[in-house]
Amino acid sequence: MNTSPPVPVIDATETPFGIQSVCHTLGTSNANLDRFAWLGDGLAIAVWTRDTEVAETVYERPGHHTLSCYLDGGYRTERQKMPGRYGAPSRLCALPGDHESRWWVRGHMHFMHLYFLPEHFTQRAVQELDREPRELTLADRTYFEDARIAGLCQSLANEHWDDADGLLRTNETAHEVLSLLLQAQGVRRSGVALKGGLSVGTRRRLRDYIESHLAEPLTLGELASVAALSEFHLARMFRTSFGLPPAAWIAQQRLERARTLLRTTALPLAQVAGLCGYANASHLSHRFREGVGVSPGAYRQAMSAV
């Protein structure tokens, strides 16, 4: 009797993030999808295996970023126009959403893919690098080496994705990978004229003000005063520079602070709620489950087991 686990099947319309995606391209080739999971927060992960004498794979502007990490094999696989550079275990490829590439795939390959949206990557620029998010994109890199990122990718591939705690740990690790990737492989866009956004100093003042007043109700008028702009212009320019409207970005910061407090302290939920600007523990639980996919208690328990 065959006791092998069923091979995951993904409908073409649901692949990350559409029919032009890297995931769809591989799914319609001779690649075998071993595992796949949506991680929440606009992230998806997959592990693939390929065994072929020789095959060509073409990616044409997939619309999402991809980080690839070879887990095993790949010694004879190369990207066209880069002859003589071959894959190997722990070697990484960063493929931006607007890239086009052709690959000669030969022999055995076992590899992991992390899929994410361009805006997910660039929104980190404001908080982590104090950079204008519109000016950054993912570098197109083939077979680079980064021991820390490769190690985290290996842990992602080994994690359990089919239970709430494992999925949450995978989500956390994926965010750590993206932060490292932003620092190591984020590059300035060429030929982009930035218009209509906030200055670096104004962005920093707003970010610092929001951070120091996150436990309190905030209004557009307050933020406009900090930026020395009208409410109308602040709302428009904030979205341009931060990638989200003020309310959505502040909600994101409240959720991130809650995650940090739940992960690093034993504070009661009511106190966590107050420090993050939520009305009470029930309000925190509702927003947290809505944003993260699990309750604050389950999140804390999962993080304590890491």
C-alpha atoms as a PDB file:
ATOM      1  CA  MET A   1       0.000   0.000   0.000  1.00  0.00           C
ATOM      2  CA  ASN A   2       1.289   3.466  -0.922  1.00  0.00           C
ATOM      3  CA  THR A   3       1.524   5.564   2.245  1.00  0.00           C
ATOM      4  CA  SER A   4       3.261   8.575   0.663  1.00  0.00           C
ATOM      5  CA  PRO A   5       1.670  11.907   1.585  1.00  0.00           C
ATOM      6  CA  PRO A   6      -0.484  13.484  -1.120  1.00  0.00           C
ATOM      7  CA  VAL A   7       1.215  16.006  -3.358  1.00  0.00           C
ATOM      8  CA  PRO A   8      -0.137  19.533  -2.758  1.00  0.00           C
ATOM      9  CA  VAL A   9      -2.254  20.866  -5.597  1.00  0.00           C
ATOM     10  CA  ILE A  10      -2.686  24.592  -6.204  1.00  0.00           C
ATOM     11  CA  ASP A  11      -5.285  25.963  -8.563  1.00  0.00           C
ATOM     12  CA  ALA A  12      -3.676  28.220 -11.180  1.00  0.00           C
ATOM     13  CA  THR A  13      -5.909  31.112 -10.160  1.00  0.00           C
ATOM     14  CA  GLU A  14      -4.712  30.879  -6.553  1.00  0.00           C
ATOM     15  CA  THR A  15      -0.972  30.684  -7.104  1.00  0.00           C
ATOM     16  CA  PRO A  16       1.059  33.466  -5.571  1.00  0.00           C
ATOM     17  CA  PHE A  17       0.135  35.861  -6.877  1.00  0.00           C
ATOM     18  CA  GLY A  18      -1.641  35.071 -10.152  1.00  0.00           C
ATOM     19  CA  ILE A  19      -1.235  33.043 -13.301  1.00  0.00           C
ATOM     20  CA  GLN A  20       2.028  34.807 -14.270  1.00  0.00           C
ATOM     21  CA  SER A  21       3.722  33.894 -10.976  1.00  0.00           C
ATOM     22  CA  VAL A  22       6.885  31.875 -10.425  1.00  0.00           C
ATOM     23  CA  CYS A  23       4.798  29.280  -8.604  1.00  0.00           C
ATOM     24  CA  HIS A  24       2.500  28.873 -11.608  1.00  0.00           C
ATOM     25  CA  THR A  25       5.438  28.645 -14.027  1.00  0.00           C
ATOM     26  CA  LEU A  26       6.996  25.827 -12.013  1.00  0.00           C
ATOM     27  CA  GLY A  27       3.629  24.118 -11.538  1.00  0.00           C
ATOM     28  CA  THR A  28       3.142  23.873 -15.292  1.00  0.00           C
ATOM     29  CA  SER A  29       6.686  22.546 -15.871  1.00  0.00           C
ATOM     30  CA  ASN A  30       8.244  19.281 -14.729  1.00  0.00           C
ATOM     31  CA  ALA A  31       8.738  20.528 -11.151  1.00  0.00           C
ATOM     32  CA  ASN A  32       7.114  18.656  -8.260  1.00  0.00           C
ATOM     33  CA  LEU A  33       5.522  20.730  -5.513  1.00  0.00           C
ATOM     34  CA  ASP A  34       6.384  18.991  -2.248  1.00  0.00           C
ATOM     35  CA  ARG A  35       4.839  21.495   0.198  1.00  0.00           C
ATOM     36  CA  PHE A  36       3.050  24.822   0.034  1.00  0.00           C
ATOM     37  CA  ALA A  37       1.511  27.217   2.570  1.00  0.00           C
ATOM     38  CA  TRP A  38       0.092  30.701   2.789  1.00  0.00           C
ATOM     39  CA  LEU A  39       1.772  32.326   5.784  1.00  0.00           C
ATOM     40  CA  GLY A  40      -0.437  35.399   6.139  1.00  0.00           C
ATOM     41  CA  ASP A  41       0.780  38.998   5.768  1.00  0.00           C
ATOM     42  CA  GLY A  42       0.984  38.565   1.985  1.00  0.00           C
ATOM     43  CA  LEU A  43       3.612  35.789   2.265  1.00  0.00           C
ATOM     44  CA  ALA A  44       3.664  32.305   0.764  1.00  0.00           C
ATOM     45  CA  ILE A  45       6.206  29.487   0.912  1.00  0.00           C
ATOM     46  CA  ALA A  46       6.862  26.382  -1.165  1.00  0.00           C
ATOM     47  CA  VAL A  47       9.343  23.529  -1.395  1.00  0.00           C
ATOM     48  CA  TRP A  48       9.986  22.045  -4.835  1.00  0.00           C
ATOM     49  CA  THR A  49      11.871  19.104  -6.347  1.00  0.00           C
ATOM     50  CA  ARG A  50      13.063  18.799  -9.934  1.00  0.00           C
ATOM     51  CA  ASP A  51      14.738  15.844 -11.616  1.00  0.00           C
ATOM     52  CA  THR A  52      15.383  16.342 -15.305  1.00  0.00           C
ATOM     53  CA  GLU A  53      18.087  15.668 -17.859  1.00  0.00           C
ATOM     54  CA  VAL A  54      17.742  19.178 -19.246  1.00  0.00           C
ATOM     55  CA  ALA A  55      14.866  21.661 -19.341  1.00  0.00           C
ATOM     56  CA  GLU A  56      14.428  25.385 -19.914  1.00  0.00           C
ATOM     57  CA  THR A  57      12.425  27.488 -17.464  1.00  0.00           C
ATOM     58  CA  VAL A  58      11.390  31.057 -18.301  1.00  0.00           C
ATOM     59  CA  TYR A  59      10.122  33.685 -15.845  1.00  0.00           C
ATOM     60  CA  GLU A  60       8.547  36.804 -17.335  1.00  0.00           C
ATOM     61  CA  ARG A  61       7.726  39.628 -14.922  1.00  0.00           C
ATOM     62  CA  PRO A  62       5.961  37.458 -12.303  1.00  0.00           C
ATOM     63  CA  GLY A  63       4.629  40.488 -10.389  1.00  0.00           C
ATOM     64  CA  HIS A  64       5.900  39.341  -6.991  1.00  0.00           C
ATOM     65  CA  HIS A  65       9.353  38.977  -5.439  1.00  0.00           C
ATOM     66  CA  THR A  66      10.889  35.541  -4.874  1.00  0.00           C
ATOM     67  CA  LEU A  67      13.722  34.395  -2.633  1.00  0.00           C
ATOM     68  CA  SER A  68      15.047  30.982  -3.648  1.00  0.00           C
ATOM     69  CA  CYS A  69      17.313  28.817  -1.507  1.00  0.00           C
ATOM     70  CA  TYR A  70      18.774  25.542  -2.780  1.00  0.00           C
ATOM     71  CA  LEU A  71      18.417  22.787  -0.198  1.00  0.00           C
ATOM     72  CA  ASP A  72      20.045  19.988  -2.192  1.00  0.00           C
ATOM     73  CA  GLY A  73      21.521  19.545  -5.665  1.00  0.00           C
ATOM     74  CA  GLY A  74      21.356  22.167  -8.391  1.00  0.00           C
ATOM     75  CA  TYR A  75      25.009  21.690  -9.305  1.00  0.00           C
ATOM     76  CA  ARG A  76      24.348  21.791 -13.055  1.00  0.00           C
ATOM     77  CA  THR A  77      21.603  24.410 -13.128  1.00  0.00           C
ATOM     78  CA  GLU A  78      22.542  27.832 -14.507  1.00  0.00           C
ATOM     79  CA  ARG A  79      20.910  31.059 -15.572  1.00  0.00           C
ATOM     80  CA  GLN A  80      21.244  31.888 -19.235  1.00  0.00           C
ATOM     81  CA  LYS A  81      23.557  34.832 -19.950  1.00  0.00           C
ATOM     82  CA  MET A  82      25.484  33.802 -16.817  1.00  0.00           C
ATOM     83  CA  PRO A  83      27.273  30.685 -18.096  1.00  0.00           C
ATOM     84  CA  GLY A  84      29.535  28.822 -15.741  1.00  0.00           C
ATOM     85  CA  ARG A  85      27.763  29.930 -12.563  1.00  0.00           C
ATOM     86  CA  TYR A  86      25.923  26.988 -11.058  1.00  0.00           C
ATOM     87  CA  GLY A  87      23.653  26.339  -8.115  1.00  0.00           C
ATOM     88  CA  ALA A  88      24.560  24.425  -4.955  1.00  0.00           C
ATOM     89  CA  PRO A  89      23.068  23.831  -1.498  1.00  0.00           C
ATOM     90  CA  SER A  90      22.640  27.087   0.487  1.00  0.00           C
ATOM     91  CA  ARG A  91      23.037  29.270  -2.591  1.00  0.00           C
ATOM     92  CA  LEU A  92      20.391  31.951  -2.899  1.00  0.00           C
ATOM     93  CA  CYS A  93      18.636  33.781  -5.719  1.00  0.00           C
ATOM     94  CA  ALA A  94      16.685  37.026  -5.332  1.00  0.00           C
ATOM     95  CA  LEU A  95      14.181  37.510  -8.149  1.00  0.00           C
ATOM     96  CA  PRO A  96      12.320  40.851  -8.203  1.00  0.00           C
ATOM     97  CA  GLY A  97       8.759  41.025  -9.458  1.00  0.00           C
ATOM     98  CA  ASP A  98       9.628  42.803 -12.700  1.00  0.00           C
ATOM     99  CA  HIS A  99      12.554  40.567 -13.665  1.00  0.00           C
ATOM    100  CA  GLU A 100      12.797  38.310 -16.717  1.00  0.00           C
ATOM    101  CA  SER A 101      15.091  35.292 -16.771  1.00  0.00           C
ATOM    102  CA  ARG A 102      15.763  32.000 -18.540  1.00  0.00           C
ATOM    103  CA  TRP A 103      17.309  28.995 -16.805  1.00  0.00           C
ATOM    104  CA  TRP A 104      18.842  25.702 -17.915  1.00  0.00           C
ATOM    105  CA  VAL A 105      17.791  23.117 -15.344  1.00  0.00           C
ATOM    106  CA  ARG A 106      19.804  19.901 -15.275  1.00  0.00           C
ATOM    107  CA  GLY A 107      19.830  16.987 -12.860  1.00  0.00           C
ATOM    108  CA  HIS A 108      18.411  16.934  -9.327  1.00  0.00           C
ATOM    109  CA  MET A 109      17.278  20.050  -7.447  1.00  0.00           C
ATOM    110  CA  HIS A 110      15.517  20.463  -4.119  1.00  0.00           C
ATOM    111  CA  PHE A 111      14.783  24.083  -3.258  1.00  0.00           C
ATOM    112  CA  MET A 112      12.627  26.423  -1.184  1.00  0.00           C
ATOM    113  CA  HIS A 113      10.837  29.540  -2.404  1.00  0.00           C
ATOM    114  CA  LEU A 114       9.550  32.440  -0.319  1.00  0.00           C
ATOM    115  CA  TYR A 115       7.059  34.595  -2.253  1.00  0.00           C
ATOM    116  CA  PHE A 116       6.198  38.150  -1.227  1.00  0.00           C
ATOM    117  CA  LEU A 117       4.820  41.350  -2.707  1.00  0.00           C
ATOM    118  CA  PRO A 118       6.993  44.335  -3.689  1.00  0.00           C
ATOM    119  CA  GLU A 119       5.108  46.644  -1.329  1.00  0.00           C
ATOM    120  CA  HIS A 120       5.708  44.238   1.547  1.00  0.00           C
ATOM    121  CA  PHE A 121       9.432  44.638   0.986  1.00  0.00           C
ATOM    122  CA  THR A 122       9.549  48.391   0.473  1.00  0.00           C
ATOM    123  CA  GLN A 123       7.245  49.291   3.386  1.00  0.00           C
ATOM    124  CA  ARG A 124      10.015  48.082   5.696  1.00  0.00           C
ATOM    125  CA  ALA A 125      12.266  50.799   4.292  1.00  0.00           C
ATOM    126  CA  VAL A 126      10.611  53.520   6.384  1.00  0.00           C
ATOM    127  CA  GLN A 127      10.912  51.874   9.771  1.00  0.00           C
ATOM    128  CA  GLU A 128      14.032  49.752   9.394  1.00  0.00           C
ATOM    129  CA  LEU A 129      16.231  51.880   7.138  1.00  0.00           C
ATOM    130  CA  ASP A 130      14.635  55.336   7.388  1.00  0.00           C
ATOM    131  CA  ARG A 131      14.476  55.381   3.599  1.00  0.00           C
ATOM    132  CA  GLU A 132      11.851  56.520   1.123  1.00  0.00           C
ATOM    133  CA  PRO A 133      10.061  53.242   0.251  1.00  0.00           C
ATOM    134  CA  ARG A 134       9.444  54.163  -3.379  1.00  0.00           C
ATOM    135  CA  GLU A 135      13.149  54.410  -4.086  1.00  0.00           C
ATOM    136  CA  LEU A 136      13.973  50.830  -3.026  1.00  0.00           C
ATOM    137  CA  THR A 137      13.442  47.521  -4.738  1.00  0.00           C
ATOM    138  CA  LEU A 138      14.814  43.996  -4.490  1.00  0.00           C
ATOM    139  CA  ALA A 139      18.119  43.468  -6.294  1.00  0.00           C
ATOM    140  CA  ASP A 140      18.239  40.824  -9.028  1.00  0.00           C
ATOM    141  CA  ARG A 141      20.864  38.428  -7.657  1.00  0.00           C
ATOM    142  CA  THR A 142      21.798  34.943  -8.871  1.00  0.00           C
ATOM    143  CA  TYR A 143      23.572  32.411  -6.652  1.00  0.00           C
ATOM    144  CA  PHE A 144      24.726  34.759  -3.908  1.00  0.00           C
ATOM    145  CA  GLU A 145      25.765  33.463  -0.504  1.00  0.00           C
ATOM    146  CA  ASP A 146      24.571  34.666   2.890  1.00  0.00           C
ATOM    147  CA  ALA A 147      25.011  32.147   5.692  1.00  0.00           C
ATOM    148  CA  ARG A 148      22.454  33.749   8.000  1.00  0.00           C
ATOM    149  CA  ILE A 149      19.681  33.977   5.387  1.00  0.00           C
ATOM    150  CA  ALA A 150      20.439  30.472   4.112  1.00  0.00           C
ATOM    151  CA  GLY A 151      20.264  29.089   7.659  1.00  0.00           C
ATOM    152  CA  LEU A 152      16.889  30.712   8.249  1.00  0.00           C
ATOM    153  CA  CYS A 153      15.637  29.366   4.908  1.00  0.00           C
ATOM    154  CA  GLN A 154      16.669  25.870   5.963  1.00  0.00           C
ATOM    155  CA  SER A 155      14.726  26.275   9.215  1.00  0.00           C
ATOM    156  CA  LEU A 156      11.710  27.467   7.208  1.00  0.00           C
ATOM    157  CA  ALA A 157      11.862  24.353   5.057  1.00  0.00           C
ATOM    158  CA  ASN A 158      12.108  22.112   8.143  1.00  0.00           C
ATOM    159  CA  GLU A 159       9.248  23.781  10.028  1.00  0.00           C
ATOM    160  CA  HIS A 160       5.745  22.318  10.382  1.00  0.00           C
ATOM    161  CA  TRP A 161       3.353  24.419   8.282  1.00  0.00           C
ATOM    162  CA  ASP A 162       0.199  22.419   8.937  1.00  0.00           C
ATOM    163  CA  ASP A 163      -0.593  23.568  12.491  1.00  0.00           C
ATOM    164  CA  ALA A 164      -1.246  27.028  13.918  1.00  0.00           C
ATOM    165  CA  ASP A 165       1.897  27.178  16.080  1.00  0.00           C
ATOM    166  CA  GLY A 166       4.217  25.988  13.319  1.00  0.00           C
ATOM    167  CA  LEU A 167       2.651  28.356  10.824  1.00  0.00           C
ATOM    168  CA  LEU A 168       3.154  31.241  13.224  1.00  0.00           C
ATOM    169  CA  ARG A 169       6.810  30.350  13.779  1.00  0.00           C
ATOM    170  CA  THR A 170       7.240  30.163  10.008  1.00  0.00           C
ATOM    171  CA  ASN A 171       5.637  33.587   9.636  1.00  0.00           C
ATOM    172  CA  GLU A 172       8.008  35.052  12.235  1.00  0.00           C
ATOM    173  CA  THR A 173      11.073  33.548  10.567  1.00  0.00           C
ATOM    174  CA  ALA A 174       9.920  34.725   7.140  1.00  0.00           C
ATOM    175  CA  HIS A 175       9.683  38.302   8.450  1.00  0.00           C
ATOM    176  CA  GLU A 176      13.219  38.003   9.820  1.00  0.00           C
ATOM    177  CA  VAL A 177      14.424  36.785   6.421  1.00  0.00           C
ATOM    178  CA  LEU A 178      12.796  39.749   4.679  1.00  0.00           C
ATOM    179  CA  SER A 179      14.428  42.211   7.070  1.00  0.00           C
ATOM    180  CA  LEU A 180      17.854  40.714   6.367  1.00  0.00           C
ATOM    181  CA  LEU A 181      17.115  40.640   2.652  1.00  0.00           C
ATOM    182  CA  LEU A 182      16.128  44.309   2.694  1.00  0.00           C
ATOM    183  CA  GLN A 183      19.428  45.228   4.345  1.00  0.00           C
ATOM    184  CA  ALA A 184      21.584  43.021   2.103  1.00  0.00           C
ATOM    185  CA  GLN A 185      19.775  43.056  -1.251  1.00  0.00           C
ATOM    186  CA  GLY A 186      17.705  46.238  -1.308  1.00  0.00           C
ATOM    187  CA  VAL A 187      18.803  48.596  -4.095  1.00  0.00           C
ATOM    188  CA  ARG A 188      17.777  52.032  -5.283  1.00  0.00           C
ATOM    189  CA  ARG A 189      15.375  52.047  -8.220  1.00  0.00           C
ATOM    190  CA  SER A 190      16.874  53.549 -11.353  1.00  0.00           C
ATOM    191  CA  GLY A 191      15.090  56.283 -13.263  1.00  0.00           C
ATOM    192  CA  VAL A 192      12.402  56.901 -10.611  1.00  0.00           C
ATOM    193  CA  ALA A 193      11.431  60.529 -10.008  1.00  0.00           C
ATOM    194  CA  LEU A 194       9.980  60.842  -6.519  1.00  0.00           C
ATOM    195  CA  LYS A 195       7.188  63.408  -6.332  1.00  0.00           C
ATOM    196  CA  GLY A 196       4.490  64.206  -3.819  1.00  0.00           C
ATOM    197  CA  GLY A 197       5.953  62.490  -0.777  1.00  0.00           C
ATOM    198  CA  LEU A 198       7.150  63.687   2.607  1.00  0.00           C
ATOM    199  CA  SER A 199      10.711  64.748   3.256  1.00  0.00           C
ATOM    200  CA  VAL A 200      13.038  62.437   5.183  1.00  0.00           C
ATOM    201  CA  GLY A 201      12.913  64.722   8.231  1.00  0.00           C
ATOM    202  CA  THR A 202       9.107  64.910   8.210  1.00  0.00           C
ATOM    203  CA  ARG A 203       8.769  61.151   7.866  1.00  0.00           C
ATOM    204  CA  ARG A 204      11.103  60.693  10.815  1.00  0.00           C
ATOM    205  CA  ARG A 205       9.177  63.197  12.979  1.00  0.00           C
ATOM    206  CA  LEU A 206       5.889  61.503  12.187  1.00  0.00           C
ATOM    207  CA  ARG A 207       7.244  58.028  12.820  1.00  0.00           C
ATOM    208  CA  ASP A 208       8.767  59.065  16.153  1.00  0.00           C
ATOM    209  CA  TYR A 209       5.608  60.899  17.200  1.00  0.00           C
ATOM    210  CA  ILE A 210       3.405  57.923  16.376  1.00  0.00           C
ATOM    211  CA  GLU A 211       5.752  55.558  18.218  1.00  0.00           C
ATOM    212  CA  SER A 212       5.744  57.690  21.375  1.00  0.00           C
ATOM    213  CA  HIS A 213       1.951  58.209  21.331  1.00  0.00           C
ATOM    214  CA  LEU A 214       0.851  54.754  20.203  1.00  0.00           C
ATOM    215  CA  ALA A 215      -0.885  54.080  23.522  1.00  0.00           C
ATOM    216  CA  GLU A 216      -3.130  57.108  22.977  1.00  0.00           C
ATOM    217  CA  PRO A 217      -5.847  57.964  20.461  1.00  0.00           C
ATOM    218  CA  LEU A 218      -4.313  59.741  17.477  1.00  0.00           C
ATOM    219  CA  THR A 219      -5.985  62.093  15.018  1.00  0.00           C
ATOM    220  CA  LEU A 220      -5.181  63.277  11.540  1.00  0.00           C
ATOM    221  CA  GLY A 221      -5.105  66.835  12.898  1.00  0.00           C
ATOM    222  CA  GLU A 222      -2.333  65.952  15.356  1.00  0.00           C
ATOM    223  CA  LEU A 223      -0.265  64.335  12.645  1.00  0.00           C
ATOM    224  CA  ALA A 224      -0.837  67.258  10.301  1.00  0.00           C
ATOM    225  CA  SER A 225       0.404  69.605  13.018  1.00  0.00           C
ATOM    226  CA  VAL A 226       3.580  67.537  13.479  1.00  0.00           C
ATOM    227  CA  ALA A 227       4.184  67.626   9.723  1.00  0.00           C
ATOM    228  CA  ALA A 228       3.201  71.318   9.391  1.00  0.00           C
ATOM    229  CA  LEU A 229       0.715  70.429   6.644  1.00  0.00           C
ATOM    230  CA  SER A 230      -3.036  70.560   6.194  1.00  0.00           C
ATOM    231  CA  GLU A 231      -4.996  67.399   6.999  1.00  0.00           C
ATOM    232  CA  PHE A 232      -5.760  66.959   3.286  1.00  0.00           C
ATOM    233  CA  HIS A 233      -2.135  67.176   2.163  1.00  0.00           C
ATOM    234  CA  LEU A 234      -0.853  65.108   5.079  1.00  0.00           C
ATOM    235  CA  ALA A 235      -3.242  62.246   4.280  1.00  0.00           C
ATOM    236  CA  ARG A 236      -2.242  62.230   0.605  1.00  0.00           C
ATOM    237  CA  MET A 237       1.496  62.586   1.170  1.00  0.00           C
ATOM    238  CA  PHE A 238       1.572  60.112   4.079  1.00  0.00           C
ATOM    239  CA  ARG A 239       0.154  57.386   1.860  1.00  0.00           C
ATOM    240  CA  THR A 240       2.639  58.217  -0.880  1.00  0.00           C
ATOM    241  CA  SER A 241       5.637  57.983   1.449  1.00  0.00           C
ATOM    242  CA  PHE A 242       4.580  55.243   3.878  1.00  0.00           C
ATOM    243  CA  GLY A 243       2.699  53.058   1.406  1.00  0.00           C
ATOM    244  CA  LEU A 244      -0.493  53.059   3.504  1.00  0.00           C
ATOM    245  CA  PRO A 245      -3.032  55.633   4.731  1.00  0.00           C
ATOM    246  CA  PRO A 246      -2.302  56.981   8.246  1.00  0.00           C
ATOM    247  CA  ALA A 247      -4.970  54.862   9.966  1.00  0.00           C
ATOM    248  CA  ALA A 248      -3.807  51.635   8.322  1.00  0.00           C
ATOM    249  CA  TRP A 249      -0.133  52.321   9.021  1.00  0.00           C
ATOM    250  CA  ILE A 250      -0.805  53.175  12.669  1.00  0.00           C
ATOM    251  CA  ALA A 251      -2.913  50.022  13.030  1.00  0.00           C
ATOM    252  CA  GLN A 252       0.054  48.074  11.657  1.00  0.00           C
ATOM    253  CA  GLN A 253       2.355  49.653  14.259  1.00  0.00           C
ATOM    254  CA  ARG A 254      -0.074  48.849  17.102  1.00  0.00           C
ATOM    255  CA  LEU A 255      -0.162  45.230  15.995  1.00  0.00           C
ATOM    256  CA  GLU A 256       3.625  45.046  15.731  1.00  0.00           C
ATOM    257  CA  ARG A 257       4.030  46.471  19.245  1.00  0.00           C
ATOM    258  CA  ALA A 258       1.517  43.921  20.562  1.00  0.00           C
ATOM    259  CA  ARG A 259       3.476  41.110  18.921  1.00  0.00           C
ATOM    260  CA  THR A 260       6.693  42.364  20.487  1.00  0.00           C
ATOM    261  CA  LEU A 261       5.187  42.683  23.979  1.00  0.00           C
ATOM    262  CA  LEU A 262       3.557  39.260  23.806  1.00  0.00           C
ATOM    263  CA  ARG A 263       6.820  37.725  22.644  1.00  0.00           C
ATOM    264  CA  THR A 264       9.142  39.445  25.123  1.00  0.00           C
ATOM    265  CA  THR A 265       7.073  40.065  28.294  1.00  0.00           C
ATOM    266  CA  ALA A 266       4.597  38.329  30.582  1.00  0.00           C
ATOM    267  CA  LEU A 267       2.344  41.391  30.878  1.00  0.00           C
ATOM    268  CA  PRO A 268      -1.398  40.687  31.231  1.00  0.00           C
ATOM    269  CA  LEU A 269      -3.385  41.131  28.017  1.00  0.00           C
ATOM    270  CA  ALA A 270      -5.189  44.149  29.442  1.00  0.00           C
ATOM    271  CA  GLN A 271      -1.860  45.908  30.019  1.00  0.00           C
ATOM    272  CA  VAL A 272      -0.591  44.947  26.569  1.00  0.00           C
ATOM    273  CA  ALA A 273      -3.796  46.347  25.118  1.00  0.00           C
ATOM    274  CA  GLY A 274      -3.332  49.656  26.937  1.00  0.00           C
ATOM    275  CA  LEU A 275       0.284  50.046  25.826  1.00  0.00           C
ATOM    276  CA  CYS A 276      -0.722  49.471  22.214  1.00  0.00           C
ATOM    277  CA  GLY A 277      -3.696  51.821  22.144  1.00  0.00           C
ATOM    278  CA  TYR A 278      -6.465  49.207  22.209  1.00  0.00           C
ATOM    279  CA  ALA A 279      -9.557  49.892  24.316  1.00  0.00           C
ATOM    280  CA  ASN A 280      -9.311  46.653  26.294  1.00  0.00           C
ATOM    281  CA  ALA A 281      -8.147  43.022  26.106  1.00  0.00           C
ATOM    282  CA  SER A 282     -11.173  42.060  24.009  1.00  0.00           C
ATOM    283  CA  HIS A 283     -10.380  44.765  21.468  1.00  0.00           C
ATOM    284  CA  LEU A 284      -6.758  43.583  21.349  1.00  0.00           C
ATOM    285  CA  SER A 285      -7.838  39.970  20.847  1.00  0.00           C
ATOM    286  CA  HIS A 286     -10.195  40.897  18.011  1.00  0.00           C
ATOM    287  CA  ARG A 287      -7.610  42.987  16.150  1.00  0.00           C
ATOM    288  CA  PHE A 288      -4.805  40.515  16.821  1.00  0.00           C
ATOM    289  CA  ARG A 289      -6.750  37.532  15.531  1.00  0.00           C
ATOM    290  CA  GLU A 290      -7.836  39.570  12.525  1.00  0.00           C
ATOM    291  CA  GLY A 291      -4.268  40.642  11.715  1.00  0.00           C
ATOM    292  CA  VAL A 292      -2.164  37.636  12.761  1.00  0.00           C
ATOM    293  CA  GLY A 293      -4.632  34.767  12.442  1.00  0.00           C
ATOM    294  CA  VAL A 294      -4.427  33.469  16.024  1.00  0.00           C
ATOM    295  CA  SER A 295      -5.359  34.749  19.468  1.00  0.00           C
ATOM    296  CA  PRO A 296      -2.821  36.702  21.569  1.00  0.00           C
ATOM    297  CA  GLY A 297      -2.667  33.794  24.021  1.00  0.00           C
ATOM    298  CA  ALA A 298      -1.899  31.260  21.287  1.00  0.00           C
ATOM    299  CA  TYR A 299       0.732  33.602  19.843  1.00  0.00           C
ATOM    300  CA  ARG A 300       2.433  34.016  23.219  1.00  0.00           C
ATOM    301  CA  GLN A 301       2.397  30.273  23.822  1.00  0.00           C
ATOM    302  CA  ALA A 302       3.884  29.565  20.401  1.00  0.00           C
ATOM    303  CA  MET A 303       6.627  32.140  20.853  1.00  0.00           C
ATOM    304  CA  SER A 304       7.561  30.817  24.306  1.00  0.00           C
ATOM    305  CA  ALA A 305       8.161  27.412  22.749  1.00  0.00           C
ATOM    306  CA  VAL A 306      10.620  28.755  20.165  1.00  0.00           C
END
